[in-house]
C-alpha atoms as a PDB file:
ATOM      1  CA  MET A   1      -2.913  10.751  30.256  1.00  0.00           C
ATOM      2  CA  LYS A   2      -0.340  12.258  27.942  1.00  0.00           C
ATOM      3  CA  ASP A   3       0.351  15.959  27.993  1.00  0.00           C
ATOM      4  CA  ALA A   4      -0.895  17.537  24.746  1.00  0.00           C
ATOM      5  CA  THR A   5       2.633  18.532  23.789  1.00  0.00           C
ATOM      6  CA  SER A   6       3.857  14.918  24.020  1.00  0.00           C
ATOM      7  CA  ILE A   7       1.258  13.408  21.689  1.00  0.00           C
ATOM      8  CA  ARG A   8       2.874  11.980  18.572  1.00  0.00           C
ATOM      9  CA  HIS A   9       1.872  13.111  15.106  1.00  0.00           C
ATOM     10  CA  ALA A  10       2.487  11.749  11.632  1.00  0.00           C
ATOM     11  CA  ILE A  11       1.711  12.681   8.050  1.00  0.00           C
ATOM     12  CA  GLY A  12      -0.809  10.559   6.161  1.00  0.00           C
ATOM     13  CA  VAL A  13      -0.776  10.622   2.355  1.00  0.00           C
ATOM     14  CA  ASP A  14      -3.645   9.220   0.288  1.00  0.00           C
ATOM     15  CA  PHE A  15      -2.342   9.006  -3.290  1.00  0.00           C
ATOM     16  CA  GLY A  16      -5.295   8.903  -5.679  1.00  0.00           C
ATOM     17  CA  GLY A  17      -5.684   9.184  -9.423  1.00  0.00           C
ATOM     18  CA  THR A  18      -7.280  12.652  -9.086  1.00  0.00           C
ATOM     19  CA  PHE A  19      -5.853  14.101  -5.862  1.00  0.00           C
ATOM     20  CA  ILE A  20      -2.998  13.560  -3.429  1.00  0.00           C
ATOM     21  CA  LYS A  21      -4.607  14.140  -0.046  1.00  0.00           C
ATOM     22  CA  MET A  22      -2.382  14.783   2.956  1.00  0.00           C
ATOM     23  CA  ALA A  23      -3.109  15.288   6.636  1.00  0.00           C
ATOM     24  CA  LEU A  24      -1.333  15.882   9.906  1.00  0.00           C
ATOM     25  CA  VAL A  25      -2.801  13.222  12.213  1.00  0.00           C
ATOM     26  CA  SER A  26      -2.336  12.686  15.945  1.00  0.00           C
ATOM     27  CA  GLU A  27      -1.872   9.289  17.565  1.00  0.00           C
ATOM     28  CA  ARG A  28      -5.485   9.685  18.727  1.00  0.00           C
ATOM     29  CA  GLY A  29      -6.654   9.662  15.118  1.00  0.00           C
ATOM     30  CA  GLU A  30      -7.434  13.388  15.070  1.00  0.00           C
ATOM     31  CA  ILE A  31      -6.781  15.362  11.892  1.00  0.00           C
ATOM     32  CA  LYS A  32      -5.017  18.610  12.791  1.00  0.00           C
ATOM     33  CA  ALA A  33      -4.445  20.006   9.308  1.00  0.00           C
ATOM     34  CA  ARG A  34      -4.993  19.089   5.661  1.00  0.00           C
ATOM     35  CA  ALA A  35      -3.430  19.645   2.249  1.00  0.00           C
ATOM     36  CA  LYS A  36      -4.713  18.604  -1.173  1.00  0.00           C
ATOM     37  CA  ILE A  37      -2.796  18.523  -4.449  1.00  0.00           C
ATOM     38  CA  PRO A  38      -4.164  17.640  -7.913  1.00  0.00           C
ATOM     39  CA  THR A  39      -2.353  14.519  -9.089  1.00  0.00           C
ATOM     40  CA  LYS A  40      -1.898  16.094 -12.525  1.00  0.00           C
ATOM     41  CA  ASP A  41       0.260  18.775 -10.874  1.00  0.00           C
ATOM     42  CA  ALA A  42       2.684  16.117  -9.594  1.00  0.00           C
ATOM     43  CA  PRO A  43       3.969  14.357 -12.718  1.00  0.00           C
ATOM     44  CA  GLY A  44       6.353  11.441 -12.245  1.00  0.00           C
ATOM     45  CA  LEU A  45       8.196  10.523  -9.074  1.00  0.00           C
ATOM     46  CA  ASP A  46      10.248  13.731  -8.851  1.00  0.00           C
ATOM     47  CA  GLY A  47       7.181  15.917  -9.419  1.00  0.00           C
ATOM     48  CA  TRP A  48       5.299  13.892  -6.835  1.00  0.00           C
ATOM     49  CA  LEU A  49       8.067  14.309  -4.253  1.00  0.00           C
ATOM     50  CA  ASP A  50       8.152  18.052  -4.895  1.00  0.00           C
ATOM     51  CA  ALA A  51       4.391  18.312  -4.419  1.00  0.00           C
ATOM     52  CA  VAL A  52       4.440  16.234  -1.234  1.00  0.00           C
ATOM     53  CA  GLY A  53       7.287  18.408   0.027  1.00  0.00           C
ATOM     54  CA  ARG A  54       5.148  21.521  -0.401  1.00  0.00           C
ATOM     55  CA  GLY A  55       2.271  19.871   1.391  1.00  0.00           C
ATOM     56  CA  LEU A  56       4.547  18.667   4.159  1.00  0.00           C
ATOM     57  CA  GLU A  57       5.758  22.190   4.868  1.00  0.00           C
ATOM     58  CA  GLN A  58       2.175  23.440   5.101  1.00  0.00           C
ATOM     59  CA  LEU A  59       1.243  20.698   7.540  1.00  0.00           C
ATOM     60  CA  LYS A  60       4.352  20.986   9.715  1.00  0.00           C
ATOM     61  CA  ASP A  61       3.505  24.649  10.293  1.00  0.00           C
ATOM     62  CA  LYS A  62       0.299  23.515  12.032  1.00  0.00           C
ATOM     63  CA  LYS A  63       1.983  21.149  14.495  1.00  0.00           C
ATOM     64  CA  ALA A  64       2.290  22.156  18.138  1.00  0.00           C
ATOM     65  CA  PRO A  65       4.880  22.380  19.510  1.00  0.00           C
ATOM     66  CA  ALA A  66       6.393  23.297  16.166  1.00  0.00           C
ATOM     67  CA  ASP A  67       9.782  21.774  16.993  1.00  0.00           C
ATOM     68  CA  ALA A  68       8.397  18.371  18.052  1.00  0.00           C
ATOM     69  CA  PRO A  69       9.536  15.612  15.685  1.00  0.00           C
ATOM     70  CA  LEU A  70       7.107  13.870  13.378  1.00  0.00           C
ATOM     71  CA  ALA A  71       6.769  10.119  13.878  1.00  0.00           C
ATOM     72  CA  GLY A  72       6.907   9.593  10.133  1.00  0.00           C
ATOM     73  CA  ILE A  73       5.030   9.548   6.839  1.00  0.00           C
ATOM     74  CA  GLY A  74       2.574   6.884   5.741  1.00  0.00           C
ATOM     75  CA  VAL A  75       1.420   6.569   2.144  1.00  0.00           C
ATOM     76  CA  GLY A  76      -1.522   4.658   0.711  1.00  0.00           C
ATOM     77  CA  VAL A  77      -1.363   3.958  -3.038  1.00  0.00           C
ATOM     78  CA  PRO A  78      -3.929   2.444  -5.440  1.00  0.00           C
ATOM     79  CA  GLY A  79      -2.061  -0.640  -6.555  1.00  0.00           C
ATOM     80  CA  PHE A  80       0.078  -3.637  -5.671  1.00  0.00           C
ATOM     81  CA  VAL A  81       2.812  -2.928  -3.112  1.00  0.00           C
ATOM     82  CA  ASP A  82       5.667  -4.854  -1.538  1.00  0.00           C
ATOM     83  CA  PHE A  83       5.141  -3.523   1.969  1.00  0.00           C
ATOM     84  CA  GLU A  84       8.501  -4.553   3.412  1.00  0.00           C
ATOM     85  CA  ARG A  85      10.447  -2.720   0.691  1.00  0.00           C
ATOM     86  CA  GLY A  86       8.023   0.143   0.098  1.00  0.00           C
ATOM     87  CA  PHE A  87       8.060  -0.914  -3.537  1.00  0.00           C
ATOM     88  CA  ILE A  88       5.212  -0.211  -5.973  1.00  0.00           C
ATOM     89  CA  TYR A  89       4.651  -2.825  -8.668  1.00  0.00           C
ATOM     90  CA  ASP A  90       2.016  -0.838 -10.525  1.00  0.00           C
ATOM     91  CA  LEU A  91      -0.689   1.744  -9.842  1.00  0.00           C
ATOM     92  CA  ALA A  92      -4.218   1.670 -11.185  1.00  0.00           C
ATOM     93  CA  ASN A  93      -5.253   4.864 -13.003  1.00  0.00           C
ATOM     94  CA  VAL A  94      -1.882   6.598 -12.488  1.00  0.00           C
ATOM     95  CA  PRO A  95       0.353   6.128 -15.548  1.00  0.00           C
ATOM     96  CA  GLY A  96       4.113   5.952 -15.178  1.00  0.00           C
ATOM     97  CA  TRP A  97       4.141   4.361 -11.730  1.00  0.00           C
ATOM     98  CA  THR A  98       5.517   0.906 -12.402  1.00  0.00           C
ATOM     99  CA  ASN A  99       8.365  -0.700 -10.412  1.00  0.00           C
ATOM    100  CA  VAL A 100       8.976   2.330  -8.180  1.00  0.00           C
ATOM    101  CA  HIS A 101      11.023   2.167  -4.955  1.00  0.00           C
ATOM    102  CA  LEU A 102       8.877   4.816  -3.268  1.00  0.00           C
ATOM    103  CA  ALA A 103       9.684   4.483   0.449  1.00  0.00           C
ATOM    104  CA  PRO A 104      13.485   4.808   0.030  1.00  0.00           C
ATOM    105  CA  ARG A 105      13.052   7.905  -2.134  1.00  0.00           C
ATOM    106  CA  ILE A 106      10.767   9.575   0.412  1.00  0.00           C
ATOM    107  CA  GLU A 107      13.156   8.749   3.261  1.00  0.00           C
ATOM    108  CA  GLU A 108      16.092  10.105   1.275  1.00  0.00           C
ATOM    109  CA  ARG A 109      14.236  13.331   0.519  1.00  0.00           C
ATOM    110  CA  PHE A 110      12.585  14.097   3.858  1.00  0.00           C
ATOM    111  CA  HIS A 111      14.665  12.117   6.403  1.00  0.00           C
ATOM    112  CA  LEU A 112      11.601  10.608   8.066  1.00  0.00           C
ATOM    113  CA  HIS A 113      10.450   7.079   8.816  1.00  0.00           C
ATOM    114  CA  VAL A 114       8.249   5.973   5.883  1.00  0.00           C
ATOM    115  CA  ARG A 115       5.742   3.208   5.302  1.00  0.00           C
ATOM    116  CA  VAL A 116       3.943   2.568   1.998  1.00  0.00           C
ATOM    117  CA  ASP A 117       0.980   0.232   1.573  1.00  0.00           C
ATOM    118  CA  ASN A 118      -2.035  -0.438  -0.616  1.00  0.00           C
ATOM    119  CA  ASP A 119      -4.671   2.281  -0.188  1.00  0.00           C
ATOM    120  CA  VAL A 120      -7.433  -0.077   0.942  1.00  0.00           C
ATOM    121  CA  ASN A 121      -5.105  -1.640   3.510  1.00  0.00           C
ATOM    122  CA  VAL A 122      -4.496   1.758   5.071  1.00  0.00           C
ATOM    123  CA  MET A 123      -8.235   2.538   4.976  1.00  0.00           C
ATOM    124  CA  ALA A 124      -8.820  -0.759   6.784  1.00  0.00           C
ATOM    125  CA  LEU A 125      -6.228   0.201   9.386  1.00  0.00           C
ATOM    126  CA  GLY A 126      -7.870   3.598   9.876  1.00  0.00           C
ATOM    127  CA  GLU A 127     -11.368   2.134  10.245  1.00  0.00           C
ATOM    128  CA  CYS A 128     -10.258  -0.677  12.526  1.00  0.00           C
ATOM    129  CA  THR A 129      -8.209   1.625  14.768  1.00  0.00           C
ATOM    130  CA  TYR A 130     -10.445   4.702  15.005  1.00  0.00           C
ATOM    131  CA  GLY A 131     -13.636   3.991  13.055  1.00  0.00           C
ATOM    132  CA  ALA A 132     -16.372   1.393  12.691  1.00  0.00           C
ATOM    133  CA  GLY A 133     -14.053  -1.556  13.349  1.00  0.00           C
ATOM    134  CA  ARG A 134     -12.358  -0.335  16.498  1.00  0.00           C
ATOM    135  CA  ALA A 135     -14.294  -2.779  18.699  1.00  0.00           C
ATOM    136  CA  TYR A 136     -13.078  -5.821  16.766  1.00  0.00           C
ATOM    137  CA  GLN A 137      -9.801  -7.728  16.690  1.00  0.00           C
ATOM    138  CA  HIS A 138     -10.670  -9.521  13.441  1.00  0.00           C
ATOM    139  CA  ALA A 139     -12.388  -7.605  10.656  1.00  0.00           C
ATOM    140  CA  VAL A 140     -12.569  -7.272   6.895  1.00  0.00           C
ATOM    141  CA  PHE A 141     -12.821  -3.824   5.353  1.00  0.00           C
ATOM    142  CA  VAL A 142     -14.410  -3.542   1.904  1.00  0.00           C
ATOM    143  CA  THR A 143     -14.666  -0.449  -0.241  1.00  0.00           C
ATOM    144  CA  LEU A 144     -17.216  -0.256  -3.057  1.00  0.00           C
ATOM    145  CA  GLY A 145     -16.512   1.999  -6.010  1.00  0.00           C
ATOM    146  CA  THR A 146     -15.283   1.630  -9.566  1.00  0.00           C
ATOM    147  CA  GLY A 147     -13.802  -1.612  -8.295  1.00  0.00           C
ATOM    148  CA  VAL A 148     -14.061  -3.522  -5.030  1.00  0.00           C
ATOM    149  CA  GLY A 149     -11.125  -3.333  -2.648  1.00  0.00           C
ATOM    150  CA  GLY A 150     -10.469  -5.123   0.600  1.00  0.00           C
ATOM    151  CA  GLY A 151      -8.234  -5.141   3.646  1.00  0.00           C
ATOM    152  CA  ILE A 152      -7.971  -7.802   6.349  1.00  0.00           C
ATOM    153  CA  VAL A 153      -7.224  -7.182  10.025  1.00  0.00           C
ATOM    154  CA  ILE A 154      -6.398 -10.220  12.173  1.00  0.00           C
ATOM    155  CA  ASN A 155      -5.418  -9.859  15.834  1.00  0.00           C
ATOM    156  CA  ASN A 156      -5.462  -6.072  15.329  1.00  0.00           C
ATOM    157  CA  GLN A 157      -2.790  -6.362  12.632  1.00  0.00           C
ATOM    158  CA  LEU A 158      -3.115  -5.935   8.882  1.00  0.00           C
ATOM    159  CA  TYR A 159      -2.782  -9.278   7.152  1.00  0.00           C
ATOM    160  CA  ARG A 160      -0.847  -8.861   3.897  1.00  0.00           C
ATOM    161  CA  GLY A 161      -0.132 -12.455   2.912  1.00  0.00           C
ATOM    162  CA  ALA A 162       3.123 -13.956   1.620  1.00  0.00           C
ATOM    163  CA  TYR A 163       3.787 -11.199  -0.933  1.00  0.00           C
ATOM    164  CA  SER A 164       1.925  -8.192   0.525  1.00  0.00           C
ATOM    165  CA  MET A 165      -1.080  -8.587  -1.798  1.00  0.00           C
ATOM    166  CA  ALA A 166      -3.696 -10.320   0.373  1.00  0.00           C
ATOM    167  CA  GLY A 167      -7.174  -8.897   0.816  1.00  0.00           C
ATOM    168  CA  GLU A 168      -8.161  -8.533  -2.864  1.00  0.00           C
ATOM    169  CA  ILE A 169     -11.771  -9.455  -2.209  1.00  0.00           C
ATOM    170  CA  GLY A 170     -12.850  -7.817  -5.458  1.00  0.00           C
ATOM    171  CA  HIS A 171     -11.237 -10.675  -7.355  1.00  0.00           C
ATOM    172  CA  VAL A 172     -12.762 -13.483  -5.281  1.00  0.00           C
ATOM    173  CA  PRO A 173     -14.700 -15.615  -7.790  1.00  0.00           C
ATOM    174  CA  ILE A 174     -18.436 -15.773  -7.204  1.00  0.00           C
ATOM    175  CA  ARG A 175     -19.329 -17.577 -10.460  1.00  0.00           C
ATOM    176  CA  MET A 176     -17.597 -20.622 -11.907  1.00  0.00           C
ATOM    177  CA  ASP A 177     -18.202 -19.622 -15.527  1.00  0.00           C
ATOM    178  CA  GLY A 178     -18.307 -15.897 -14.957  1.00  0.00           C
ATOM    179  CA  VAL A 179     -16.962 -12.778 -16.631  1.00  0.00           C
ATOM    180  CA  LYS A 180     -13.298 -12.963 -17.588  1.00  0.00           C
ATOM    181  CA  SER A 181     -10.887 -10.220 -16.590  1.00  0.00           C
ATOM    182  CA  PRO A 182      -7.092  -9.825 -16.262  1.00  0.00           C
ATOM    183  CA  GLN A 183      -7.514 -10.940 -12.626  1.00  0.00           C
ATOM    184  CA  GLY A 184      -9.296 -14.185 -13.458  1.00  0.00           C
ATOM    185  CA  ARG A 185     -12.859 -15.355 -14.035  1.00  0.00           C
ATOM    186  CA  GLY A 186     -16.079 -14.542 -12.222  1.00  0.00           C
ATOM    187  CA  GLY A 187     -14.550 -12.035  -9.784  1.00  0.00           C
ATOM    188  CA  LEU A 188     -16.843 -10.029  -7.493  1.00  0.00           C
ATOM    189  CA  GLU A 189     -16.072  -6.606  -8.951  1.00  0.00           C
ATOM    190  CA  GLN A 190     -17.042  -7.792 -12.434  1.00  0.00           C
ATOM    191  CA  TYR A 191     -20.603  -7.759 -11.093  1.00  0.00           C
ATOM    192  CA  VAL A 192     -20.764  -5.032  -8.450  1.00  0.00           C
ATOM    193  CA  GLY A 193     -18.221  -2.465  -9.625  1.00  0.00           C
ATOM    194  CA  ASN A 194     -20.012   0.820 -10.386  1.00  0.00           C
ATOM    195  CA  ARG A 195     -19.633   0.467 -14.154  1.00  0.00           C
ATOM    196  CA  ARG A 196     -21.086  -3.045 -14.159  1.00  0.00           C
ATOM    197  CA  LEU A 197     -24.064  -1.996 -12.060  1.00  0.00           C
ATOM    198  CA  VAL A 198     -24.844   0.929 -14.346  1.00  0.00           C
ATOM    199  CA  GLU A 199     -24.529  -1.328 -17.402  1.00  0.00           C
ATOM    200  CA  ARG A 200     -27.057  -3.705 -15.876  1.00  0.00           C
ATOM    201  CA  VAL A 201     -29.587  -0.922 -15.333  1.00  0.00           C
ATOM    202  CA  VAL A 202     -29.069   0.618 -18.768  1.00  0.00           C
ATOM    203  CA  GLN A 203     -29.640  -2.771 -20.389  1.00  0.00           C
ATOM    204  CA  ALA A 204     -32.933  -3.171 -18.521  1.00  0.00           C
ATOM    205  CA  LEU A 205     -34.076   0.304 -19.560  1.00  0.00           C
ATOM    206  CA  GLN A 206     -33.115  -0.322 -23.170  1.00  0.00           C
ATOM    207  CA  GLN A 207     -35.289  -3.427 -23.060  1.00  0.00           C
ATOM    208  CA  GLY A 208     -38.251  -1.246 -22.142  1.00  0.00           C
ATOM    209  CA  ARG A 209     -38.296  -1.629 -18.354  1.00  0.00           C
ATOM    210  CA  ALA A 210     -40.272   1.155 -16.685  1.00  0.00           C
ATOM    211  CA  SER A 211     -38.309   2.877 -13.929  1.00  0.00           C
ATOM    212  CA  LEU A 212     -37.944   6.122 -12.041  1.00  0.00           C
ATOM    213  CA  ILE A 213     -34.254   5.929 -12.930  1.00  0.00           C
ATOM    214  CA  ARG A 214     -35.025   7.043 -16.488  1.00  0.00           C
ATOM    215  CA  GLU A 215     -36.922  10.065 -15.170  1.00  0.00           C
ATOM    216  CA  LEU A 216     -34.158  11.037 -12.731  1.00  0.00           C
ATOM    217  CA  ALA A 217     -31.643  10.823 -15.593  1.00  0.00           C
ATOM    218  CA  GLN A 218     -33.983  13.028 -17.669  1.00  0.00           C
ATOM    219  CA  GLY A 219     -34.022  10.388 -20.357  1.00  0.00           C
ATOM    220  CA  ASP A 220     -30.235  10.447 -20.817  1.00  0.00           C
ATOM    221  CA  LEU A 221     -29.019   6.925 -20.147  1.00  0.00           C
ATOM    222  CA  SER A 222     -25.410   8.116 -20.212  1.00  0.00           C
ATOM    223  CA  ALA A 223     -26.181  10.254 -17.138  1.00  0.00           C
ATOM    224  CA  ILE A 224     -27.043   7.251 -14.961  1.00  0.00           C
ATOM    225  CA  THR A 225     -24.769   6.728 -11.953  1.00  0.00           C
ATOM    226  CA  VAL A 226     -24.857   4.416  -8.966  1.00  0.00           C
ATOM    227  CA  GLU A 227     -25.746   7.433  -6.821  1.00  0.00           C
ATOM    228  CA  LEU A 228     -28.760   8.130  -9.022  1.00  0.00           C
ATOM    229  CA  ILE A 229     -29.815   4.470  -8.807  1.00  0.00           C
ATOM    230  CA  ALA A 230     -29.528   4.679  -5.013  1.00  0.00           C
ATOM    231  CA  LYS A 231     -31.767   7.770  -5.046  1.00  0.00           C
ATOM    232  CA  ALA A 232     -34.374   5.868  -7.063  1.00  0.00           C
ATOM    233  CA  ALA A 233     -34.133   2.906  -4.681  1.00  0.00           C
ATOM    234  CA  GLY A 234     -34.744   5.258  -1.777  1.00  0.00           C
ATOM    235  CA  GLN A 235     -37.998   6.252  -3.454  1.00  0.00           C
ATOM    236  CA  GLY A 236     -39.070   2.638  -3.837  1.00  0.00           C
ATOM    237  CA  ASP A 237     -38.281   2.123  -7.529  1.00  0.00           C
ATOM    238  CA  ALA A 238     -38.593  -1.593  -8.320  1.00  0.00           C
ATOM    239  CA  LEU A 239     -35.684  -1.806 -10.783  1.00  0.00           C
ATOM    240  CA  ALA A 240     -33.341   0.062  -8.457  1.00  0.00           C
ATOM    241  CA  LEU A 241     -34.308  -2.143  -5.523  1.00  0.00           C
ATOM    242  CA  GLU A 242     -33.731  -5.237  -7.662  1.00  0.00           C
ATOM    243  CA  LEU A 243     -30.253  -3.954  -8.484  1.00  0.00           C
ATOM    244  CA  PHE A 244     -29.439  -3.437  -4.808  1.00  0.00           C
ATOM    245  CA  ASP A 245     -30.693  -6.929  -4.021  1.00  0.00           C
ATOM    246  CA  PHE A 246     -28.496  -8.331  -6.819  1.00  0.00           C
ATOM    247  CA  MET A 247     -25.492  -6.387  -5.513  1.00  0.00           C
ATOM    248  CA  ALA A 248     -26.152  -7.579  -1.962  1.00  0.00           C
ATOM    249  CA  ASP A 249     -26.370 -11.206  -3.110  1.00  0.00           C
ATOM    250  CA  CYS A 250     -23.075 -10.923  -5.013  1.00  0.00           C
ATOM    251  CA  LEU A 251     -21.372  -9.383  -1.990  1.00  0.00           C
ATOM    252  CA  ALA A 252     -22.820 -12.062   0.267  1.00  0.00           C
ATOM    253  CA  ALA A 253     -21.405 -14.792  -1.976  1.00  0.00           C
ATOM    254  CA  ALA A 254     -17.888 -13.384  -1.580  1.00  0.00           C
ATOM    255  CA  PHE A 255     -18.337 -12.557   2.107  1.00  0.00           C
ATOM    256  CA  ALA A 256     -19.502 -16.098   2.877  1.00  0.00           C
ATOM    257  CA  SER A 257     -16.312 -17.541   1.369  1.00  0.00           C
ATOM    258  CA  VAL A 258     -14.192 -15.128   3.388  1.00  0.00           C
ATOM    259  CA  ALA A 259     -16.209 -15.797   6.549  1.00  0.00           C
ATOM    260  CA  TYR A 260     -15.703 -19.551   6.352  1.00  0.00           C
ATOM    261  CA  LEU A 261     -11.999 -19.084   5.658  1.00  0.00           C
ATOM    262  CA  ILE A 262     -10.984 -16.610   8.366  1.00  0.00           C
ATOM    263  CA  GLN A 263     -14.157 -16.033  10.467  1.00  0.00           C
ATOM    264  CA  PRO A 264     -13.952 -12.269  11.031  1.00  0.00           C
ATOM    265  CA  GLN A 265     -16.090 -10.584  13.642  1.00  0.00           C
ATOM    266  CA  ALA A 266     -17.193  -7.888  11.220  1.00  0.00           C
ATOM    267  CA  PHE A 267     -17.359  -6.752   7.626  1.00  0.00           C
ATOM    268  CA  ILE A 268     -16.912  -2.972   7.450  1.00  0.00           C
ATOM    269  CA  ILE A 269     -18.118  -1.454   4.178  1.00  0.00           C
ATOM    270  CA  GLY A 270     -16.959   1.904   2.820  1.00  0.00           C
ATOM    271  CA  GLY A 271     -17.329   3.842  -0.413  1.00  0.00           C
ATOM    272  CA  GLY A 272     -20.124   6.112  -1.552  1.00  0.00           C
ATOM    273  CA  ILE A 273     -22.666   3.349  -2.064  1.00  0.00           C
ATOM    274  CA  ALA A 274     -22.215   2.243   1.556  1.00  0.00           C
ATOM    275  CA  GLN A 275     -24.084   5.404   2.561  1.00  0.00           C
ATOM    276  CA  SER A 276     -27.277   3.899   1.123  1.00  0.00           C
ATOM    277  CA  GLY A 277     -28.201   2.497   4.513  1.00  0.00           C
ATOM    278  CA  ALA A 278     -30.891  -0.154   4.839  1.00  0.00           C
ATOM    279  CA  ILE A 279     -31.370  -0.346   1.057  1.00  0.00           C
ATOM    280  CA  LEU A 280     -28.003  -2.108   0.865  1.00  0.00           C
ATOM    281  CA  PHE A 281     -27.442  -3.515   4.348  1.00  0.00           C
ATOM    282  CA  ASP A 282     -30.792  -5.229   4.929  1.00  0.00           C
ATOM    283  CA  PRO A 283     -30.604  -7.482   1.832  1.00  0.00           C
ATOM    284  CA  LEU A 284     -26.872  -7.993   2.372  1.00  0.00           C
ATOM    285  CA  ARG A 285     -27.395  -9.313   5.893  1.00  0.00           C
ATOM    286  CA  ARG A 286     -30.288 -11.473   4.682  1.00  0.00           C
ATOM    287  CA  HIS A 287     -28.325 -13.020   1.803  1.00  0.00           C
ATOM    288  CA  LEU A 288     -25.253 -13.559   3.972  1.00  0.00           C
ATOM    289  CA  THR A 289     -27.343 -15.333   6.598  1.00  0.00           C
ATOM    290  CA  GLU A 290     -28.793 -17.577   3.879  1.00  0.00           C
ATOM    291  CA  ARG A 291     -25.286 -18.552   2.773  1.00  0.00           C
ATOM    292  CA  LEU A 292     -23.834 -19.322   6.188  1.00  0.00           C
ATOM    293  CA  SER A 293     -24.359 -21.789   8.969  1.00  0.00           C
ATOM    294  CA  PRO A 294     -26.216 -20.091  11.835  1.00  0.00           C
ATOM    295  CA  VAL A 295     -23.144 -20.731  13.985  1.00  0.00           C
ATOM    296  CA  PHE A 296     -21.204 -18.374  11.694  1.00  0.00           C
ATOM    297  CA  ALA A 297     -23.990 -15.981  10.697  1.00  0.00           C
ATOM    298  CA  GLU A 298     -25.090 -15.046  14.200  1.00  0.00           C
ATOM    299  CA  ARG A 299     -21.531 -14.014  15.119  1.00  0.00           C
ATOM    300  CA  ILE A 300     -20.794 -11.706  12.172  1.00  0.00           C
ATOM    301  CA  VAL A 301     -21.559  -7.991  12.123  1.00  0.00           C
ATOM    302  CA  VAL A 302     -22.012  -6.129   8.827  1.00  0.00           C
ATOM    303  CA  LYS A 303     -21.867  -2.350   9.158  1.00  0.00           C
ATOM    304  CA  PRO A 304     -20.942   0.829   7.263  1.00  0.00           C
ATOM    305  CA  ALA A 305     -17.584   2.538   7.659  1.00  0.00           C
ATOM    306  CA  GLU A 306     -17.436   5.737   9.713  1.00  0.00           C
ATOM    307  CA  LEU A 307     -14.377   7.707   8.595  1.00  0.00           C
ATOM    308  CA  GLY A 308     -15.516   8.393   5.021  1.00  0.00           C
ATOM    309  CA  ASN A 309     -12.919  10.095   2.844  1.00  0.00           C
ATOM    310  CA  ASP A 310     -10.613  10.530   5.849  1.00  0.00           C
ATOM    311  CA  ALA A 311      -9.970   6.799   6.296  1.00  0.00           C
ATOM    312  CA  GLY A 312      -7.040   6.878   3.871  1.00  0.00           C
ATOM    313  CA  VAL A 313      -5.046   9.696   5.463  1.00  0.00           C
ATOM    314  CA  ILE A 314      -5.816   8.595   9.028  1.00  0.00           C
ATOM    315  CA  GLY A 315      -4.850   5.000   8.254  1.00  0.00           C
ATOM    316  CA  ALA A 316      -1.674   6.013   6.420  1.00  0.00           C
ATOM    317  CA  ALA A 317      -0.511   8.184   9.310  1.00  0.00           C
ATOM    318  CA  THR A 318      -1.359   5.413  11.769  1.00  0.00           C
ATOM    319  CA  LEU A 319       0.683   2.966   9.710  1.00  0.00           C
ATOM    320  CA  SER A 320       3.802   5.110  10.119  1.00  0.00           C
ATOM    321  CA  MET A 321       3.283   5.388  13.887  1.00  0.00           C
ATOM    322  CA  MET A 322       2.949   1.647  14.478  1.00  0.00           C
ATOM    323  CA  GLU A 323       6.629   0.818  14.024  1.00  0.00           C
END
């Protein structure tokens, strides 16, 4: 067993559209300290580096022994990344971040080993190293939110594909003549992204469907959220339960394609809606079983993520300690 003073630590950075979350993380996956910076207070690359520098100083003060070197900095970003170069092609919901050589700039500024990857990839790494996927060598991590993100772990390693952009399960087509988007036609997130789910419920209510959802929203259809729909489903509302069954069937369609292609041991599901428990997971397992050969279905586990909002910073720090 390692002496406490010899345990490595790294900084994990979860770069979101609203906040830049940072944490000092041990090689055991333990968060020792945190920092949080509003993204609006870090404009552009130089402003971002300044903000991260302030956070880094706060976190380094918490490390024991204080003079022990950091293993590095890992950064998860919401967009397409060339992992080998630490290059950002473009970020969703963060204007001005197109064609940015981020890793070299961080290394130049802070003189630390740096790794930059897609945010869902680092969440997958966190979950599969210290969270719900730690028992599996082959797993797919999926996060449900405004969109649908994915990360693939094969032989305990993130699989990034030929150009570092593999794992985009949200764009896997589930309908041949489906909704068009910039990413193609009939992609999963065009049906189960939060906005699409709310639109589906609002349309049903506008057509006169009776539902507890209307009451919970106090008659204001613009106040309906996926969380509110989940609350109604928990109280047995028929429309809300139908929506969860629809969402589960859509997810199962994409998961079945992925299962036949790479045969993971588990699908790990994160995001706020994943906290809905049996309301989501029971129909999801049922629909997935219907879509797969028993030989495949009986070997696949579907379970909720465990690390919650910490998956990003833990995974990012872990990424920097792996090389």
